[in-house]
Amino acid sequence: MPLNWHNQGIFRVGVEKSLTERTTLQAGYSFGNNPVPSATVLPLTAAIMNNTLGTGISYRRSHYGLDVAYQYQLPNTAHVGQSAILAGEYNNSQDRIATQSLAVTSSFHF
């Protein structure tokens, strides 16, 4: 089934600041346009986030590293007026989503 998706452009910017010799703080922002036309939005494809904020902290000691990152994808709403999906079950509907994630990773450098 053709969904008529478009190309997606993504813009990202971030900063990093050394707090100490071993500790670094990071922050960033990302924007991406939604490539899904509103006429072909489905509950599984409407979850394309536009705006994302992230922050993190890194700690390094000898060969070991520890990273903690938090990301918040700001709420996004997709409205469907007249659905192009043949059955029409998504006419006059909307999907709204926001996500948060926390990641902790460790590393060992040889």
N, C-alpha and C. Protein backbone atom coordinates (compact mmCIF):
# COMPACT_ATOMS: atom_id res chain seq x y z
N MET A 1 0.84 -1.16 0.00
CA MET A 1 0.00 0.00 0.00
C MET A 1 0.90 1.24 0.00
N PRO A 2 0.77 2.12 -0.98
CA PRO A 2 1.60 3.32 -1.01
C PRO A 2 1.17 4.31 0.08
N LEU A 3 2.13 4.74 0.90
CA LEU A 3 1.84 5.68 1.97
C LEU A 3 2.26 7.10 1.62
N ASN A 4 2.90 7.27 0.46
CA ASN A 4 3.30 8.60 -0.03
C ASN A 4 4.17 9.38 0.95
N TRP A 5 5.12 8.70 1.57
CA TRP A 5 6.03 9.37 2.49
C TRP A 5 6.94 10.30 1.71
N HIS A 6 7.42 11.33 2.37
CA HIS A 6 8.33 12.32 1.79
C HIS A 6 9.72 12.14 2.41
N ASN A 7 10.70 12.83 1.86
CA ASN A 7 12.03 12.84 2.46
C ASN A 7 11.97 13.56 3.80
N GLN A 8 12.89 13.18 4.69
CA GLN A 8 12.93 13.81 6.00
C GLN A 8 14.24 14.55 6.16
N GLY A 9 14.16 15.78 6.62
CA GLY A 9 15.35 16.56 6.95
C GLY A 9 15.50 16.61 8.45
N ILE A 10 16.72 16.46 8.93
CA ILE A 10 16.99 16.48 10.38
C ILE A 10 18.10 17.48 10.67
N PHE A 11 17.89 18.30 11.68
CA PHE A 11 18.86 19.29 12.14
C PHE A 11 19.22 18.95 13.58
N ARG A 12 20.52 18.90 13.88
CA ARG A 12 20.97 18.61 15.25
C ARG A 12 22.04 19.61 15.66
N VAL A 13 22.01 19.99 16.92
CA VAL A 13 23.03 20.86 17.48
C VAL A 13 23.29 20.41 18.92
N GLY A 14 24.54 20.51 19.34
CA GLY A 14 24.87 20.10 20.70
C GLY A 14 26.08 20.84 21.22
N VAL A 15 26.23 20.80 22.54
CA VAL A 15 27.38 21.42 23.20
C VAL A 15 27.94 20.43 24.21
N GLU A 16 29.22 20.60 24.50
CA GLU A 16 29.90 19.74 25.47
C GLU A 16 30.80 20.63 26.31
N LYS A 17 30.80 20.41 27.62
CA LYS A 17 31.59 21.21 28.54
C LYS A 17 32.31 20.29 29.51
N SER A 18 33.63 20.43 29.60
CA SER A 18 34.41 19.67 30.58
C SER A 18 34.23 20.31 31.95
N LEU A 19 33.75 19.52 32.89
CA LEU A 19 33.58 20.01 34.26
C LEU A 19 34.86 19.83 35.05
N THR A 20 35.47 18.66 34.87
CA THR A 20 36.77 18.35 35.47
C THR A 20 37.58 17.61 34.42
N GLU A 21 38.76 17.16 34.78
CA GLU A 21 39.59 16.41 33.84
C GLU A 21 38.94 15.09 33.45
N ARG A 22 38.09 14.55 34.30
CA ARG A 22 37.45 13.25 34.05
C ARG A 22 35.96 13.32 33.72
N THR A 23 35.34 14.46 33.95
CA THR A 23 33.89 14.56 33.81
C THR A 23 33.50 15.57 32.73
N THR A 24 32.57 15.16 31.87
CA THR A 24 32.09 16.02 30.79
C THR A 24 30.57 16.04 30.79
N LEU A 25 30.01 17.21 30.58
CA LEU A 25 28.57 17.39 30.50
C LEU A 25 28.20 17.70 29.05
N GLN A 26 27.11 17.09 28.55
CA GLN A 26 26.65 17.31 27.18
C GLN A 26 25.18 17.71 27.18
N ALA A 27 24.78 18.47 26.16
CA ALA A 27 23.37 18.82 25.96
C ALA A 27 23.16 19.00 24.46
N GLY A 28 21.94 18.70 24.00
CA GLY A 28 21.68 18.85 22.58
C GLY A 28 20.21 18.96 22.26
N TYR A 29 19.96 19.34 21.00
CA TYR A 29 18.61 19.51 20.48
C TYR A 29 18.58 18.93 19.07
N SER A 30 17.47 18.31 18.72
CA SER A 30 17.30 17.76 17.38
C SER A 30 15.90 18.09 16.87
N PHE A 31 15.83 18.47 15.59
CA PHE A 31 14.54 18.71 14.94
C PHE A 31 14.50 17.91 13.65
N GLY A 32 13.39 17.23 13.41
CA GLY A 32 13.17 16.51 12.16
C GLY A 32 11.74 16.69 11.70
N ASN A 33 11.55 17.04 10.44
CA ASN A 33 10.18 17.18 9.94
C ASN A 33 9.54 15.81 9.78
N ASN A 34 8.24 15.76 9.85
CA ASN A 34 7.50 14.51 9.74
C ASN A 34 7.29 14.16 8.27
N PRO A 35 7.82 13.04 7.79
CA PRO A 35 7.69 12.68 6.38
C PRO A 35 6.36 12.01 6.03
N VAL A 36 5.49 11.78 7.02
CA VAL A 36 4.24 11.07 6.80
C VAL A 36 3.12 12.08 6.55
N PRO A 37 2.50 12.07 5.37
CA PRO A 37 1.36 12.97 5.13
C PRO A 37 0.19 12.61 6.06
N SER A 38 -0.56 13.61 6.47
CA SER A 38 -1.65 13.34 7.42
C SER A 38 -2.70 12.38 6.85
N ALA A 39 -2.84 12.31 5.55
CA ALA A 39 -3.85 11.42 4.95
C ALA A 39 -3.48 9.95 5.07
N THR A 40 -2.21 9.64 5.33
CA THR A 40 -1.81 8.22 5.45
C THR A 40 -1.25 7.89 6.83
N VAL A 41 -1.61 8.68 7.84
CA VAL A 41 -1.17 8.39 9.21
C VAL A 41 -1.86 7.13 9.71
N LEU A 42 -1.08 6.25 10.29
CA LEU A 42 -1.58 5.05 10.96
C LEU A 42 -1.09 5.10 12.40
N PRO A 43 -1.71 4.38 13.32
CA PRO A 43 -1.23 4.40 14.70
C PRO A 43 0.25 3.99 14.83
N LEU A 44 0.75 3.16 13.95
CA LEU A 44 2.14 2.73 14.04
C LEU A 44 3.11 3.67 13.34
N THR A 45 2.65 4.56 12.48
CA THR A 45 3.56 5.45 11.76
C THR A 45 3.48 6.90 12.22
N ALA A 46 2.58 7.22 13.10
CA ALA A 46 2.44 8.61 13.55
C ALA A 46 3.44 8.97 14.63
N ALA A 47 4.22 8.01 15.09
CA ALA A 47 5.13 8.24 16.20
C ALA A 47 6.47 8.80 15.74
N ILE A 48 6.47 9.65 14.74
CA ILE A 48 7.69 10.28 14.28
C ILE A 48 7.82 11.60 15.03
N MET A 49 8.84 11.67 15.85
CA MET A 49 9.00 12.81 16.73
C MET A 49 9.69 13.95 15.98
N ASN A 50 9.30 15.19 16.29
CA ASN A 50 9.87 16.36 15.64
C ASN A 50 10.96 17.02 16.47
N ASN A 51 10.73 17.19 17.76
CA ASN A 51 11.64 17.93 18.63
C ASN A 51 12.14 17.06 19.77
N THR A 52 13.46 17.03 19.94
CA THR A 52 14.07 16.20 20.97
C THR A 52 15.10 17.01 21.74
N LEU A 53 15.06 16.91 23.06
CA LEU A 53 16.05 17.52 23.94
C LEU A 53 16.83 16.40 24.62
N GLY A 54 18.12 16.57 24.77
CA GLY A 54 18.91 15.54 25.43
C GLY A 54 20.00 16.15 26.28
N THR A 55 20.40 15.41 27.31
CA THR A 55 21.50 15.82 28.16
C THR A 55 22.23 14.57 28.63
N GLY A 56 23.47 14.74 29.00
CA GLY A 56 24.23 13.59 29.45
C GLY A 56 25.45 14.01 30.23
N ILE A 57 26.03 13.04 30.91
CA ILE A 57 27.26 13.26 31.66
C ILE A 57 28.16 12.04 31.45
N SER A 58 29.44 12.29 31.28
CA SER A 58 30.43 11.22 31.06
C SER A 58 31.52 11.30 32.12
N TYR A 59 31.94 10.14 32.58
CA TYR A 59 33.03 10.07 33.56
C TYR A 59 34.06 9.08 33.03
N ARG A 60 35.32 9.46 33.01
CA ARG A 60 36.42 8.61 32.55
C ARG A 60 37.46 8.49 33.63
N ARG A 61 37.95 7.27 33.84
CA ARG A 61 39.04 7.03 34.79
C ARG A 61 39.86 5.88 34.26
N SER A 62 41.12 6.16 34.01
CA SER A 62 42.03 5.16 33.46
C SER A 62 41.45 4.61 32.16
N HIS A 63 41.18 3.32 32.10
CA HIS A 63 40.63 2.69 30.90
C HIS A 63 39.10 2.55 30.95
N TYR A 64 38.49 2.99 32.02
CA TYR A 64 37.05 2.79 32.22
C TYR A 64 36.27 4.07 31.95
N GLY A 65 35.04 3.90 31.50
CA GLY A 65 34.16 5.04 31.27
C GLY A 65 32.73 4.71 31.67
N LEU A 66 32.02 5.73 32.10
CA LEU A 66 30.61 5.60 32.47
C LEU A 66 29.87 6.80 31.86
N ASP A 67 28.78 6.52 31.15
CA ASP A 67 27.98 7.56 30.52
C ASP A 67 26.52 7.40 30.95
N VAL A 68 25.89 8.53 31.28
CA VAL A 68 24.47 8.55 31.60
C VAL A 68 23.84 9.62 30.71
N ALA A 69 22.76 9.24 30.02
CA ALA A 69 22.09 10.17 29.11
C ALA A 69 20.58 10.13 29.33
N TYR A 70 19.96 11.30 29.21
CA TYR A 70 18.51 11.43 29.31
C TYR A 70 18.02 12.14 28.05
N GLN A 71 16.94 11.64 27.49
CA GLN A 71 16.37 12.23 26.27
C GLN A 71 14.87 12.37 26.42
N TYR A 72 14.36 13.55 26.05
CA TYR A 72 12.92 13.81 26.09
C TYR A 72 12.48 14.24 24.69
N GLN A 73 11.60 13.45 24.12
CA GLN A 73 11.04 13.79 22.82
C GLN A 73 9.71 14.48 23.08
N LEU A 74 9.67 15.77 22.77
CA LEU A 74 8.52 16.61 23.08
C LEU A 74 7.24 16.08 22.43
N PRO A 75 6.10 16.30 23.05
CA PRO A 75 4.85 15.77 22.52
C PRO A 75 4.61 16.15 21.06
N ASN A 76 4.12 15.18 20.30
CA ASN A 76 3.81 15.38 18.89
C ASN A 76 2.39 14.85 18.64
N THR A 77 1.63 15.60 17.88
CA THR A 77 0.27 15.20 17.54
C THR A 77 0.12 15.13 16.03
N ALA A 78 -0.46 14.06 15.55
CA ALA A 78 -0.75 13.90 14.12
C ALA A 78 -2.26 13.85 13.95
N HIS A 79 -2.80 14.75 13.15
CA HIS A 79 -4.24 14.82 12.89
C HIS A 79 -4.54 14.20 11.53
N VAL A 80 -5.62 13.45 11.47
CA VAL A 80 -6.09 12.88 10.20
C VAL A 80 -7.49 13.41 9.95
N GLY A 81 -7.65 14.11 8.84
CA GLY A 81 -9.00 14.55 8.45
C GLY A 81 -9.65 13.44 7.63
N GLN A 82 -9.38 13.44 6.35
CA GLN A 82 -9.87 12.40 5.45
C GLN A 82 -8.71 11.44 5.18
N SER A 83 -8.82 10.23 5.68
CA SER A 83 -7.76 9.23 5.53
C SER A 83 -7.72 8.68 4.11
N ALA A 84 -6.51 8.46 3.60
CA ALA A 84 -6.34 7.84 2.28
C ALA A 84 -6.32 6.32 2.39
N ILE A 85 -6.39 5.79 3.60
CA ILE A 85 -6.46 4.35 3.81
C ILE A 85 -7.87 3.92 3.39
N LEU A 86 -7.95 2.87 2.58
CA LEU A 86 -9.20 2.51 1.91
C LEU A 86 -10.40 2.31 2.82
N ALA A 87 -10.22 1.68 3.98
CA ALA A 87 -11.36 1.39 4.84
C ALA A 87 -11.89 2.65 5.55
N GLY A 88 -11.06 3.70 5.65
CA GLY A 88 -11.50 4.95 6.27
C GLY A 88 -11.62 4.91 7.77
N GLU A 89 -11.10 3.87 8.41
CA GLU A 89 -11.26 3.76 9.87
C GLU A 89 -10.49 4.82 10.65
N TYR A 90 -9.58 5.56 9.99
CA TYR A 90 -8.81 6.59 10.69
C TYR A 90 -9.30 8.00 10.38
N ASN A 91 -10.43 8.14 9.68
CA ASN A 91 -10.98 9.47 9.41
C ASN A 91 -11.25 10.21 10.71
N ASN A 92 -10.95 11.51 10.71
CA ASN A 92 -11.20 12.38 11.86
C ASN A 92 -10.62 11.83 13.15
N SER A 93 -9.35 11.44 13.12
CA SER A 93 -8.68 10.91 14.31
C SER A 93 -7.39 11.67 14.55
N GLN A 94 -6.78 11.40 15.69
CA GLN A 94 -5.48 11.99 15.99
C GLN A 94 -4.69 11.06 16.88
N ASP A 95 -3.37 11.13 16.72
CA ASP A 95 -2.43 10.38 17.57
C ASP A 95 -1.56 11.40 18.28
N ARG A 96 -1.29 11.18 19.56
CA ARG A 96 -0.42 12.07 20.34
C ARG A 96 0.57 11.19 21.09
N ILE A 97 1.85 11.60 21.04
CA ILE A 97 2.89 10.80 21.69
C ILE A 97 3.99 11.71 22.23
N ALA A 98 4.59 11.29 23.33
CA ALA A 98 5.80 11.90 23.90
C ALA A 98 6.59 10.75 24.52
N THR A 99 7.89 10.78 24.41
CA THR A 99 8.69 9.71 24.99
C THR A 99 9.85 10.29 25.79
N GLN A 100 10.29 9.50 26.75
CA GLN A 100 11.46 9.82 27.55
C GLN A 100 12.33 8.57 27.62
N SER A 101 13.63 8.77 27.66
CA SER A 101 14.52 7.61 27.80
C SER A 101 15.71 7.98 28.66
N LEU A 102 16.20 6.99 29.37
CA LEU A 102 17.39 7.11 30.20
C LEU A 102 18.31 5.96 29.83
N ALA A 103 19.55 6.28 29.51
CA ALA A 103 20.51 5.24 29.12
C ALA A 103 21.76 5.36 29.99
N VAL A 104 22.24 4.22 30.43
CA VAL A 104 23.48 4.14 31.20
C VAL A 104 24.38 3.14 30.49
N THR A 105 25.57 3.56 30.12
CA THR A 105 26.51 2.66 29.46
C THR A 105 27.86 2.74 30.14
N SER A 106 28.59 1.64 30.05
CA SER A 106 29.96 1.61 30.57
C SER A 106 30.88 1.14 29.45
N SER A 107 32.15 1.51 29.57
CA SER A 107 33.11 1.12 28.53
C SER A 107 34.47 0.82 29.14
N PHE A 108 35.23 0.06 28.40
CA PHE A 108 36.62 -0.24 28.74
C PHE A 108 37.44 -0.03 27.50
N HIS A 109 38.44 0.83 27.58
CA HIS A 109 39.30 1.14 26.44
C HIS A 109 40.62 0.37 26.56
N PHE A 110 40.95 -0.37 25.51
CA PHE A 110 42.17 -1.18 25.50
C PHE A 110 43.39 -0.32 25.27
